[in-house]
Amino acid sequence: MVKVFYFDSTHEAYDASQWNDDIRDGDVLVATDENVVGVLIKAWPTAVTGERGSFHRLTGGWDRVRHGLEVSGVSYLESVRVADELIEAHRQALEG
């Protein structure tokens, strides 16, 4: 099950992902002050949003994951689905 963790910044989220054992591979990280949403891939917080702050960028983009392709032998389909829902909810709140 994918968990969502909220932080003020990508730097704070990145740091926490390296030592906080509650944050696991595939969990979603949200940096509220920077409007960045990412997924932890192995040990690397990776941005799903266009802006990435301190997060990494996924080589080849997230569309391949959305179509079922694995990253390093792991499916992140559920993780990117949760991330996309958070991004869309935030977009609608801003437009509202």
N, C-alpha and C. Protein backbone atom coordinates (compact mmCIF):
# COMPACT_ATOMS: atom_id res chain seq x y z
N MET A 1 0.84 -1.18 0.00
CA MET A 1 0.00 0.00 0.00
C MET A 1 0.89 1.25 0.00
N VAL A 2 0.59 2.16 -0.90
CA VAL A 2 1.35 3.40 -1.05
C VAL A 2 0.95 4.37 0.06
N LYS A 3 1.93 4.91 0.75
CA LYS A 3 1.69 5.94 1.77
C LYS A 3 2.09 7.28 1.19
N VAL A 4 1.46 8.33 1.71
CA VAL A 4 1.77 9.70 1.29
C VAL A 4 2.35 10.45 2.49
N PHE A 5 3.47 11.12 2.26
CA PHE A 5 4.14 11.89 3.30
C PHE A 5 4.24 13.34 2.84
N TYR A 6 3.92 14.26 3.74
CA TYR A 6 3.93 15.69 3.43
C TYR A 6 5.10 16.39 4.14
N PHE A 7 5.73 17.28 3.40
CA PHE A 7 6.86 18.06 3.91
C PHE A 7 6.72 19.49 3.40
N ASP A 8 7.46 20.40 4.02
CA ASP A 8 7.45 21.79 3.56
C ASP A 8 8.25 21.96 2.27
N SER A 9 9.36 21.23 2.15
CA SER A 9 10.24 21.42 0.99
C SER A 9 10.74 20.08 0.46
N THR A 10 11.26 20.12 -0.77
CA THR A 10 11.85 18.91 -1.34
C THR A 10 13.12 18.53 -0.59
N HIS A 11 13.84 19.52 -0.10
CA HIS A 11 15.06 19.23 0.67
C HIS A 11 14.70 18.46 1.94
N GLU A 12 13.66 18.90 2.64
CA GLU A 12 13.22 18.21 3.86
C GLU A 12 12.74 16.79 3.53
N ALA A 13 11.98 16.65 2.43
CA ALA A 13 11.47 15.34 2.02
C ALA A 13 12.61 14.41 1.65
N TYR A 14 13.57 14.92 0.88
CA TYR A 14 14.71 14.12 0.46
C TYR A 14 15.47 13.63 1.69
N ASP A 15 15.76 14.54 2.60
CA ASP A 15 16.49 14.18 3.82
C ASP A 15 15.75 13.10 4.60
N ALA A 16 14.46 13.29 4.81
CA ALA A 16 13.67 12.31 5.57
C ALA A 16 13.64 10.95 4.89
N SER A 17 13.62 10.94 3.58
CA SER A 17 13.55 9.66 2.85
C SER A 17 14.82 8.83 3.04
N GLN A 18 15.89 9.47 3.46
CA GLN A 18 17.16 8.76 3.62
C GLN A 18 17.31 8.12 5.00
N TRP A 19 16.55 8.61 6.00
CA TRP A 19 16.72 8.08 7.35
C TRP A 19 15.43 7.57 7.99
N ASN A 20 14.28 8.01 7.50
CA ASN A 20 13.01 7.63 8.11
C ASN A 20 12.56 6.27 7.57
N ASP A 21 12.60 5.26 8.41
CA ASP A 21 12.26 3.90 7.98
C ASP A 21 10.78 3.72 7.65
N ASP A 22 9.95 4.69 8.01
CA ASP A 22 8.53 4.62 7.66
C ASP A 22 8.31 4.91 6.18
N ILE A 23 9.24 5.63 5.57
CA ILE A 23 9.14 5.96 4.14
C ILE A 23 9.81 4.85 3.35
N ARG A 24 9.03 4.22 2.49
CA ARG A 24 9.52 3.04 1.76
C ARG A 24 9.46 3.25 0.25
N ASP A 25 10.15 2.39 -0.44
CA ASP A 25 10.15 2.38 -1.90
C ASP A 25 8.71 2.44 -2.40
N GLY A 26 8.44 3.39 -3.28
CA GLY A 26 7.10 3.53 -3.87
C GLY A 26 6.20 4.51 -3.16
N ASP A 27 6.59 4.99 -1.99
CA ASP A 27 5.75 5.97 -1.29
C ASP A 27 5.81 7.32 -2.01
N VAL A 28 4.77 8.12 -1.79
CA VAL A 28 4.64 9.42 -2.44
C VAL A 28 5.08 10.50 -1.46
N LEU A 29 5.89 11.43 -1.95
CA LEU A 29 6.40 12.54 -1.16
C LEU A 29 5.86 13.84 -1.74
N VAL A 30 5.26 14.67 -0.88
CA VAL A 30 4.68 15.94 -1.30
C VAL A 30 5.42 17.06 -0.59
N ALA A 31 5.97 17.98 -1.36
CA ALA A 31 6.62 19.18 -0.82
C ALA A 31 5.67 20.35 -1.05
N THR A 32 4.90 20.68 -0.03
CA THR A 32 3.79 21.63 -0.19
C THR A 32 4.24 23.03 -0.58
N ASP A 33 5.32 23.52 0.01
CA ASP A 33 5.76 24.89 -0.29
C ASP A 33 6.30 25.04 -1.71
N GLU A 34 6.70 23.93 -2.32
CA GLU A 34 7.28 23.98 -3.67
C GLU A 34 6.34 23.41 -4.73
N ASN A 35 5.17 22.90 -4.30
CA ASN A 35 4.22 22.28 -5.23
C ASN A 35 4.85 21.16 -6.03
N VAL A 36 5.62 20.33 -5.33
CA VAL A 36 6.29 19.20 -5.97
C VAL A 36 5.74 17.91 -5.37
N VAL A 37 5.42 16.97 -6.24
CA VAL A 37 4.99 15.64 -5.83
C VAL A 37 5.95 14.65 -6.46
N GLY A 38 6.40 13.70 -5.67
CA GLY A 38 7.34 12.71 -6.18
C GLY A 38 7.09 11.33 -5.61
N VAL A 39 7.82 10.38 -6.13
CA VAL A 39 7.75 8.99 -5.69
C VAL A 39 9.16 8.57 -5.30
N LEU A 40 9.26 7.85 -4.19
CA LEU A 40 10.56 7.32 -3.79
C LEU A 40 10.84 6.07 -4.62
N ILE A 41 11.86 6.14 -5.45
CA ILE A 41 12.28 5.00 -6.26
C ILE A 41 13.59 4.51 -5.67
N LYS A 42 13.49 3.34 -5.04
CA LYS A 42 14.62 2.79 -4.27
C LYS A 42 14.99 3.82 -3.20
N ALA A 43 16.12 4.50 -3.32
CA ALA A 43 16.54 5.50 -2.34
C ALA A 43 16.45 6.92 -2.89
N TRP A 44 15.84 7.10 -4.07
CA TRP A 44 15.87 8.40 -4.74
C TRP A 44 14.48 9.01 -4.88
N PRO A 45 14.22 10.10 -4.18
CA PRO A 45 12.96 10.82 -4.41
C PRO A 45 12.96 11.37 -5.84
N THR A 46 11.92 11.05 -6.58
CA THR A 46 11.88 11.37 -8.00
C THR A 46 10.59 12.13 -8.32
N ALA A 47 10.72 13.32 -8.88
CA ALA A 47 9.57 14.19 -9.13
C ALA A 47 8.65 13.63 -10.20
N VAL A 48 7.36 13.72 -9.93
CA VAL A 48 6.34 13.41 -10.93
C VAL A 48 5.89 14.72 -11.58
N THR A 49 5.91 15.79 -10.81
CA THR A 49 5.55 17.12 -11.31
C THR A 49 6.67 17.66 -12.20
N GLY A 50 6.33 18.68 -12.98
CA GLY A 50 7.33 19.32 -13.84
C GLY A 50 8.44 19.96 -13.03
N GLU A 51 8.05 20.66 -11.97
CA GLU A 51 9.04 21.23 -11.04
C GLU A 51 9.56 20.09 -10.18
N ARG A 52 10.85 20.14 -9.84
CA ARG A 52 11.38 19.02 -9.08
C ARG A 52 12.14 19.41 -7.83
N GLY A 53 12.50 20.67 -7.67
CA GLY A 53 13.24 21.07 -6.48
C GLY A 53 14.49 20.21 -6.30
N SER A 54 14.64 19.60 -5.15
CA SER A 54 15.80 18.75 -4.85
C SER A 54 15.63 17.30 -5.32
N PHE A 55 14.47 16.97 -5.86
CA PHE A 55 14.21 15.60 -6.30
C PHE A 55 14.91 15.30 -7.62
N HIS A 56 15.03 14.03 -7.91
CA HIS A 56 15.59 13.57 -9.18
C HIS A 56 14.49 13.59 -10.24
N ARG A 57 14.90 13.45 -11.49
CA ARG A 57 13.96 13.33 -12.61
C ARG A 57 14.08 11.90 -13.14
N LEU A 58 12.94 11.30 -13.49
CA LEU A 58 12.93 9.94 -14.00
C LEU A 58 13.34 9.93 -15.46
N THR A 59 14.42 9.24 -15.77
CA THR A 59 14.88 9.11 -17.14
C THR A 59 13.78 8.42 -17.96
N GLY A 60 13.40 9.01 -19.06
CA GLY A 60 12.36 8.44 -19.91
C GLY A 60 10.96 8.90 -19.54
N GLY A 61 10.80 9.58 -18.41
CA GLY A 61 9.51 10.12 -18.00
C GLY A 61 8.56 9.11 -17.38
N TRP A 62 7.49 9.64 -16.82
CA TRP A 62 6.52 8.81 -16.09
C TRP A 62 5.49 8.15 -17.00
N ASP A 63 5.36 8.59 -18.24
CA ASP A 63 4.36 7.98 -19.12
C ASP A 63 4.60 6.48 -19.29
N ARG A 64 5.82 6.09 -19.37
CA ARG A 64 6.11 4.65 -19.51
C ARG A 64 5.66 3.88 -18.28
N VAL A 65 5.77 4.49 -17.09
CA VAL A 65 5.30 3.84 -15.85
C VAL A 65 3.77 3.77 -15.87
N ARG A 66 3.13 4.85 -16.34
CA ARG A 66 1.66 4.87 -16.42
C ARG A 66 1.14 3.79 -17.37
N HIS A 67 1.97 3.34 -18.30
CA HIS A 67 1.58 2.29 -19.23
C HIS A 67 2.08 0.92 -18.80
N GLY A 68 2.51 0.80 -17.55
CA GLY A 68 2.83 -0.51 -16.99
C GLY A 68 4.28 -0.93 -17.05
N LEU A 69 5.16 -0.09 -17.60
CA LEU A 69 6.56 -0.48 -17.64
C LEU A 69 7.20 -0.32 -16.27
N GLU A 70 8.09 -1.23 -15.95
CA GLU A 70 8.74 -1.22 -14.65
C GLU A 70 10.00 -0.38 -14.65
N VAL A 71 10.40 0.07 -13.47
CA VAL A 71 11.65 0.79 -13.27
C VAL A 71 12.53 -0.11 -12.40
N SER A 72 13.65 -0.53 -12.94
CA SER A 72 14.57 -1.42 -12.21
C SER A 72 13.84 -2.66 -11.68
N GLY A 73 12.93 -3.18 -12.47
CA GLY A 73 12.24 -4.42 -12.12
C GLY A 73 11.08 -4.25 -11.15
N VAL A 74 10.66 -3.02 -10.88
CA VAL A 74 9.58 -2.76 -9.94
C VAL A 74 8.49 -1.94 -10.63
N SER A 75 7.23 -2.31 -10.39
CA SER A 75 6.12 -1.52 -10.92
C SER A 75 5.79 -0.40 -9.93
N TYR A 76 5.76 0.82 -10.44
CA TYR A 76 5.37 1.98 -9.64
C TYR A 76 4.04 2.53 -10.12
N LEU A 77 3.25 1.69 -10.76
CA LEU A 77 1.97 2.11 -11.32
C LEU A 77 1.04 2.68 -10.25
N GLU A 78 0.90 2.01 -9.13
CA GLU A 78 0.03 2.49 -8.05
C GLU A 78 0.57 3.80 -7.47
N SER A 79 1.87 3.90 -7.32
CA SER A 79 2.49 5.11 -6.78
C SER A 79 2.22 6.31 -7.67
N VAL A 80 2.40 6.15 -8.96
CA VAL A 80 2.19 7.28 -9.88
C VAL A 80 0.70 7.61 -9.98
N ARG A 81 -0.16 6.62 -9.81
CA ARG A 81 -1.61 6.88 -9.80
C ARG A 81 -1.97 7.78 -8.61
N VAL A 82 -1.43 7.46 -7.43
CA VAL A 82 -1.68 8.28 -6.24
C VAL A 82 -1.10 9.68 -6.43
N ALA A 83 0.10 9.76 -6.94
CA ALA A 83 0.74 11.06 -7.19
C ALA A 83 -0.09 11.89 -8.17
N ASP A 84 -0.55 11.27 -9.24
CA ASP A 84 -1.36 11.99 -10.24
C ASP A 84 -2.66 12.51 -9.62
N GLU A 85 -3.28 11.72 -8.74
CA GLU A 85 -4.51 12.16 -8.08
C GLU A 85 -4.24 13.39 -7.19
N LEU A 86 -3.13 13.39 -6.48
CA LEU A 86 -2.78 14.53 -5.63
C LEU A 86 -2.50 15.77 -6.48
N ILE A 87 -1.81 15.59 -7.58
CA ILE A 87 -1.51 16.71 -8.48
C ILE A 87 -2.80 17.28 -9.04
N GLU A 88 -3.72 16.44 -9.47
CA GLU A 88 -4.99 16.89 -10.03
C GLU A 88 -5.84 17.60 -8.98
N ALA A 89 -5.89 17.07 -7.77
CA ALA A 89 -6.66 17.70 -6.69
C ALA A 89 -6.10 19.09 -6.38
N HIS A 90 -4.79 19.21 -6.38
CA HIS A 90 -4.16 20.50 -6.12
C HIS A 90 -4.47 21.48 -7.26
N ARG A 91 -4.40 21.01 -8.49
CA ARG A 91 -4.71 21.86 -9.64
C ARG A 91 -6.13 22.38 -9.56
N GLN A 92 -7.07 21.50 -9.23
CA GLN A 92 -8.48 21.91 -9.13
C GLN A 92 -8.69 22.90 -8.01
N ALA A 93 -7.99 22.73 -6.89
CA ALA A 93 -8.11 23.65 -5.77
C ALA A 93 -7.62 25.04 -6.16
N LEU A 94 -6.55 25.09 -6.94
CA LEU A 94 -6.02 26.38 -7.38
C LEU A 94 -6.96 27.08 -8.36
N GLU A 95 -7.62 26.28 -9.20
CA GLU A 95 -8.53 26.85 -10.20
C GLU A 95 -9.87 27.23 -9.58
N GLY A 96 -10.23 26.54 -8.48
CA GLY A 96 -11.53 26.68 -7.84
C GLY A 96 -11.87 28.02 -7.41
